[in-house]
Amino acid sequence: MLSTTMYRLARHTRLPVLNRAALHIPPENKEMQSNNELESKLGPNVVKQINEDKERLEWRTPYSERSDSFYSVFKLFASENRNSELVEKMQQPINLAPSAIYEWWQRRRTSIASHMQSFIPERHATLGDDIATAHFIVHRGGSVRFRGDSNWKQRDEDNEYDLPRHYVPGFVLEELRCDGIQLFYEGMENIQKLLYLKNASFENVSLFDDWHLDRFSGSTFPSLEKLNLRGTAVTHRGLTCLYRLPSLKIVLVDDPDKDILWKLMVATLEEWNPKLRVVSNE
């Protein structure tokens, strides 16, 4: 009786038949078959809409990998996967303590301030790089000097300043001072392509670090001779970016003999450019 039951079970049980030809179908053919099946079931318009939505949902090309983007010497240390930061924030419990609310409000203000310093291509296209950079710096409390003018352009007590509102030939920016102002990394892109700039000072800009210096050094300053970095957060690693400034003669830092790493970097720079001096005072 048992043997008869097993025979009937084996007889009526069928294993799935393998389509060996399907195993060797190239991926593109499989995709075409799946699209054809979807079109037959949903219709061509629906399938087209689905494919367009898929393209929109794909992650954008990272900014650092675009062909027209600025290439940083610190690119290897940049985070490529920023989704983990968002997931981590979403997993944090909501804290309504006064200190937490105040901290959130400060971060919000910082985010808005950094966004307000974003690069505006239309401004540079309308005013030219020299006048546009001057507007950006003077508006935030810095000062600039143009060629042939001994006076420095800066804000007065009413936050007013005298700068051209349109492109004027012959306005060449030679010196700029950003001492003590709040300068975010986003704002560094507004300081670019100053072909005749000779002196730049970022003294006591607390936010100015290696990344700021990296962005500044790659923004085309072939005539820059003096750079003031005293009171900033630049380390010996950031000095590696200075090879992009071929005319540089003086770099002011807090203490070039701070430790052995600073001494090695200073010696390397001075060996690369015998005319360059990295000192604390002129």
Protein backbone atom coordinates (compact mmCIF):
# COMPACT_ATOMS: atom_id res chain seq x y z
CA MET A 1 0.00 0.00 0.00
CA LEU A 2 2.82 2.39 0.88
CA SER A 3 4.70 1.60 -2.31
CA THR A 4 1.59 2.29 -4.40
CA THR A 5 1.09 5.68 -2.73
CA MET A 6 4.74 6.68 -3.32
CA TYR A 7 4.46 5.64 -6.96
CA ARG A 8 1.38 7.82 -7.51
CA LEU A 9 3.04 10.77 -5.73
CA ALA A 10 6.17 10.53 -7.88
CA ARG A 11 4.09 10.14 -11.01
CA HIS A 12 1.97 13.22 -10.49
CA THR A 13 4.80 15.44 -9.17
CA ARG A 14 6.50 17.37 -11.93
CA LEU A 15 9.72 19.31 -11.56
CA PRO A 16 9.89 22.73 -13.21
CA VAL A 17 11.30 22.53 -16.70
CA LEU A 18 14.47 24.57 -17.19
CA ASN A 19 14.61 26.67 -20.31
CA ARG A 20 18.29 26.26 -21.12
CA ALA A 21 18.11 28.74 -23.97
CA ALA A 22 16.94 31.46 -21.58
CA LEU A 23 20.02 30.94 -19.44
CA HIS A 24 22.22 32.17 -22.29
CA ILE A 25 20.16 35.23 -23.25
CA PRO A 26 22.32 38.37 -23.06
CA PRO A 27 21.28 40.98 -20.46
CA GLU A 28 20.18 43.47 -23.10
CA ASN A 29 17.88 40.86 -24.69
CA LYS A 30 16.37 40.08 -21.30
CA GLU A 31 15.74 43.78 -20.76
CA MET A 32 14.08 44.04 -24.18
CA GLN A 33 11.89 41.05 -23.39
CA SER A 34 10.85 42.53 -20.04
CA ASN A 35 10.03 45.86 -21.72
CA ASN A 36 7.97 44.09 -24.36
CA GLU A 37 6.08 42.19 -21.70
CA LEU A 38 5.38 45.41 -19.80
CA GLU A 39 4.20 47.14 -22.96
CA SER A 40 1.83 44.29 -23.74
CA LYS A 41 0.38 44.45 -20.21
CA LEU A 42 0.48 48.16 -19.36
CA GLY A 43 0.74 49.89 -22.70
CA PRO A 44 3.62 51.88 -24.26
CA ASN A 45 2.69 55.21 -22.62
CA VAL A 46 2.77 53.78 -19.11
CA VAL A 47 6.09 52.01 -19.75
CA LYS A 48 7.59 55.23 -21.12
CA GLN A 49 6.50 57.11 -18.00
CA ILE A 50 8.02 54.41 -15.78
CA ASN A 51 11.38 54.61 -17.58
CA GLU A 52 11.40 58.42 -17.28
CA ASP A 53 10.70 58.18 -13.56
CA LYS A 54 13.57 55.72 -13.16
CA GLU A 55 15.97 58.14 -14.84
CA ARG A 56 14.83 60.98 -12.58
CA LEU A 57 15.28 58.84 -9.48
CA GLU A 58 18.85 57.86 -10.34
CA TRP A 59 21.48 59.55 -8.18
CA ARG A 60 23.15 62.55 -9.74
CA THR A 61 26.78 62.47 -10.75
CA PRO A 62 28.83 63.60 -7.73
CA TYR A 63 30.07 67.19 -8.02
CA SER A 64 33.69 66.12 -7.67
CA GLU A 65 33.37 63.77 -10.68
CA ARG A 66 32.00 66.29 -13.14
CA SER A 67 34.29 67.27 -15.99
CA ASP A 68 33.82 71.00 -15.39
CA SER A 69 34.23 70.93 -11.60
CA PHE A 70 37.15 72.03 -9.47
CA TYR A 71 39.61 69.22 -8.74
CA SER A 72 40.81 69.25 -5.16
CA VAL A 73 44.13 67.80 -4.02
CA PHE A 74 42.22 66.53 -0.97
CA LYS A 75 39.66 64.64 -3.09
CA LEU A 76 40.78 61.30 -1.67
CA PHE A 77 39.68 62.39 1.80
CA ALA A 78 36.22 63.58 0.72
CA SER A 79 33.17 61.55 1.65
CA GLU A 80 31.55 59.97 -1.42
CA ASN A 81 28.53 58.50 0.35
CA ARG A 82 26.61 61.29 2.08
CA ASN A 83 23.43 59.25 2.45
CA SER A 84 24.70 57.79 5.71
CA GLU A 85 24.68 61.27 7.27
CA LEU A 86 21.00 61.71 6.40
CA VAL A 87 20.09 58.26 7.73
CA GLU A 88 22.00 58.95 10.94
CA LYS A 89 20.15 62.23 11.48
CA MET A 90 16.77 60.58 10.87
CA GLN A 91 17.54 57.96 13.50
CA GLN A 92 18.35 60.52 16.19
CA PRO A 93 15.60 61.12 18.78
CA ILE A 94 13.88 64.50 18.85
CA ASN A 95 15.39 66.69 21.55
CA LEU A 96 13.27 69.68 22.61
CA ALA A 97 15.60 70.89 25.34
CA PRO A 98 16.36 74.64 25.19
CA SER A 99 20.06 73.98 24.56
CA ALA A 100 19.24 71.60 21.69
CA ILE A 101 16.83 74.10 20.12
CA TYR A 102 19.44 76.85 20.39
CA GLU A 103 22.07 74.60 18.79
CA TRP A 104 19.67 73.75 15.95
CA TRP A 105 18.95 77.45 15.43
CA GLN A 106 22.67 78.24 15.23
CA ARG A 107 23.21 75.48 12.67
CA ARG A 108 20.26 76.82 10.70
CA ARG A 109 21.70 80.33 10.68
CA THR A 110 25.09 79.00 9.60
CA SER A 111 23.49 77.03 6.78
CA ILE A 112 21.64 80.11 5.54
CA ALA A 113 24.76 82.27 5.78
CA SER A 114 26.85 79.77 3.82
CA HIS A 115 24.12 79.51 1.17
CA MET A 116 24.10 83.31 0.80
CA GLN A 117 27.78 83.12 -0.19
CA SER A 118 27.15 80.73 -3.06
CA PHE A 119 28.68 81.53 -6.43
CA ILE A 120 26.46 83.55 -8.81
CA PRO A 121 27.70 83.17 -12.41
CA GLU A 122 25.55 86.06 -13.66
CA ARG A 123 27.31 88.49 -11.30
CA HIS A 124 30.75 87.63 -12.65
CA ALA A 125 29.50 87.64 -16.24
CA THR A 126 28.00 91.13 -15.78
CA LEU A 127 30.67 92.84 -13.65
CA GLY A 128 33.79 90.92 -14.58
CA ASP A 129 35.84 88.86 -12.14
CA ASP A 130 37.72 91.79 -10.55
CA ILE A 131 34.70 94.00 -9.76
CA ALA A 132 32.49 91.02 -8.82
CA THR A 133 35.10 89.78 -6.34
CA ALA A 134 35.42 93.29 -4.91
CA HIS A 135 31.66 93.49 -4.34
CA PHE A 136 31.65 90.10 -2.62
CA ILE A 137 34.47 90.99 -0.21
CA VAL A 138 33.54 94.60 0.59
CA HIS A 139 29.88 93.74 1.17
CA ARG A 140 30.97 91.31 3.92
CA GLY A 141 33.30 93.70 5.70
CA GLY A 142 36.56 93.25 3.83
CA SER A 143 38.49 95.76 1.77
CA VAL A 144 40.11 95.86 -1.67
CA ARG A 145 42.48 98.08 -3.63
CA PHE A 146 42.53 98.56 -7.39
CA ARG A 147 45.51 99.33 -9.56
CA GLY A 148 46.38 103.02 -9.69
CA ASP A 149 44.36 103.83 -6.56
CA SER A 150 46.05 104.28 -3.18
CA ASN A 151 42.72 104.21 -1.30
CA TRP A 152 41.15 101.02 -0.05
CA LYS A 153 37.49 100.37 -0.87
CA GLN A 154 35.48 99.35 2.20
CA ARG A 155 32.12 99.86 3.88
CA ASP A 156 31.36 103.01 5.82
CA GLU A 157 29.33 103.37 9.02
CA ASP A 158 26.08 103.05 7.05
CA ASN A 159 27.29 99.88 5.32
CA GLU A 160 27.60 101.78 2.05
CA TYR A 161 30.55 101.53 -0.33
CA ASP A 162 31.57 103.00 -3.66
CA LEU A 163 32.09 100.35 -6.33
CA PRO A 164 31.01 100.21 -9.99
CA ARG A 165 27.62 98.61 -10.59
CA HIS A 166 28.54 97.46 -14.09
CA TYR A 167 31.65 96.35 -15.95
CA VAL A 168 34.27 99.09 -16.29
CA PRO A 169 37.44 98.41 -18.32
CA GLY A 170 40.66 99.12 -16.46
CA PHE A 171 39.47 98.15 -12.97
CA VAL A 172 42.16 95.68 -11.98
CA LEU A 173 42.13 94.22 -8.46
CA GLU A 174 45.64 94.14 -6.96
CA GLU A 175 45.07 93.65 -3.22
CA LEU A 176 42.33 92.19 -1.06
CA ARG A 177 41.87 91.89 2.69
CA CYS A 178 39.37 89.46 4.18
CA ASP A 179 40.72 89.89 7.72
CA GLY A 180 38.27 88.82 10.41
CA ILE A 181 35.22 88.32 8.18
CA GLN A 182 32.98 85.24 8.14
CA LEU A 183 34.04 83.40 5.01
CA PHE A 184 32.56 79.98 4.24
CA TYR A 185 33.95 77.45 1.82
CA GLU A 186 31.03 78.16 -0.54
CA GLY A 187 32.20 81.76 -0.79
CA MET A 188 35.70 80.90 -1.96
CA GLU A 189 34.41 80.31 -5.47
CA ASN A 190 33.58 84.02 -5.70
CA ILE A 191 37.29 84.85 -5.43
CA GLN A 192 38.65 83.64 -8.73
CA LYS A 193 40.49 84.51 -11.94
CA LEU A 194 42.23 87.61 -10.62
CA LEU A 195 45.09 87.71 -13.09
CA TYR A 196 46.87 90.71 -11.52
CA LEU A 197 46.22 90.10 -7.82
CA LYS A 198 49.47 90.55 -5.86
CA ASN A 199 48.45 90.51 -2.20
CA ALA A 200 45.75 88.50 -0.41
CA SER A 201 45.13 88.44 3.33
CA PHE A 202 42.87 86.08 5.31
CA GLU A 203 44.21 86.93 8.75
CA ASN A 204 41.98 85.92 11.67
CA VAL A 205 39.39 84.25 9.43
CA SER A 206 38.60 81.43 11.84
CA LEU A 207 36.76 79.29 9.27
CA PHE A 208 39.62 79.41 6.78
CA ASP A 209 41.17 75.92 6.80
CA ASP A 210 43.01 73.57 4.44
CA TRP A 211 39.95 73.15 2.23
CA HIS A 212 39.58 76.92 1.85
CA LEU A 213 43.24 77.25 0.91
CA ASP A 214 42.92 74.39 -1.54
CA ARG A 215 39.98 76.10 -3.26
CA PHE A 216 41.70 79.48 -3.26
CA SER A 217 44.99 78.22 -4.69
CA GLY A 218 43.20 76.57 -7.62
CA SER A 219 41.32 79.70 -8.70
CA THR A 220 43.92 81.22 -11.07
CA PHE A 221 46.19 83.80 -9.43
CA PRO A 222 49.33 83.81 -11.62
CA SER A 223 50.65 87.12 -10.17
CA LEU A 224 50.05 86.53 -6.44
CA GLU A 225 53.20 87.35 -4.46
CA LYS A 226 52.06 87.61 -0.83
CA LEU A 227 49.57 85.50 1.14
CA ASN A 228 48.65 86.09 4.78
CA LEU A 229 47.35 83.00 6.64
CA ARG A 230 47.94 84.10 10.24
CA GLY A 231 45.12 83.35 12.64
CA THR A 232 43.52 80.76 10.36
CA ALA A 233 42.96 77.02 10.78
CA VAL A 234 45.40 76.07 8.01
CA THR A 235 47.73 73.19 8.91
CA HIS A 236 50.97 72.01 7.36
CA ARG A 237 48.94 69.73 5.08
CA GLY A 238 47.20 72.71 3.51
CA LEU A 239 50.51 74.24 2.46
CA THR A 240 50.86 71.53 -0.18
CA CYS A 241 48.34 73.47 -2.29
CA LEU A 242 50.69 76.41 -2.71
CA TYR A 243 52.47 74.79 -5.64
CA ARG A 244 49.65 76.20 -7.79
CA LEU A 245 50.87 79.77 -7.13
CA PRO A 246 54.09 80.13 -9.16
CA SER A 247 54.77 83.80 -8.32
CA LEU A 248 54.38 83.45 -4.57
CA LYS A 249 57.20 85.02 -2.55
CA ILE A 250 55.92 85.44 1.02
CA VAL A 251 53.51 83.30 3.05
CA LEU A 252 52.71 84.53 6.56
CA VAL A 253 51.74 81.87 9.13
CA ASP A 254 51.54 81.85 12.91
CA ASP A 255 54.59 79.67 13.53
CA PRO A 256 56.51 77.98 10.69
CA ASP A 257 58.66 76.17 13.28
CA LYS A 258 55.71 74.82 15.23
CA ASP A 259 56.80 71.17 14.95
CA ILE A 260 58.81 68.85 12.74
CA LEU A 261 55.95 68.45 10.25
CA TRP A 262 55.72 72.19 9.71
CA LYS A 263 59.49 72.43 9.29
CA LEU A 264 59.53 69.64 6.70
CA MET A 265 56.70 71.19 4.71
CA VAL A 266 58.28 74.65 4.79
CA ALA A 267 61.61 73.19 3.66
CA THR A 268 59.86 71.34 0.83
CA LEU A 269 58.12 74.49 -0.39
CA GLU A 270 61.26 76.58 -0.24
CA GLU A 271 63.17 73.89 -2.12
CA TRP A 272 60.48 73.85 -4.81
CA ASN A 273 60.49 77.65 -5.06
CA PRO A 274 63.77 79.22 -3.89
CA LYS A 275 62.15 82.70 -3.96
CA LEU A 276 59.45 81.66 -1.48
CA ARG A 277 59.71 82.41 2.25
CA VAL A 278 57.29 81.02 4.83
CA VAL A 279 57.61 83.25 7.90
CA SER A 280 55.60 84.64 10.78
CA ASN A 281 56.60 88.28 10.22
CA GLU A 282 57.86 90.19 7.23
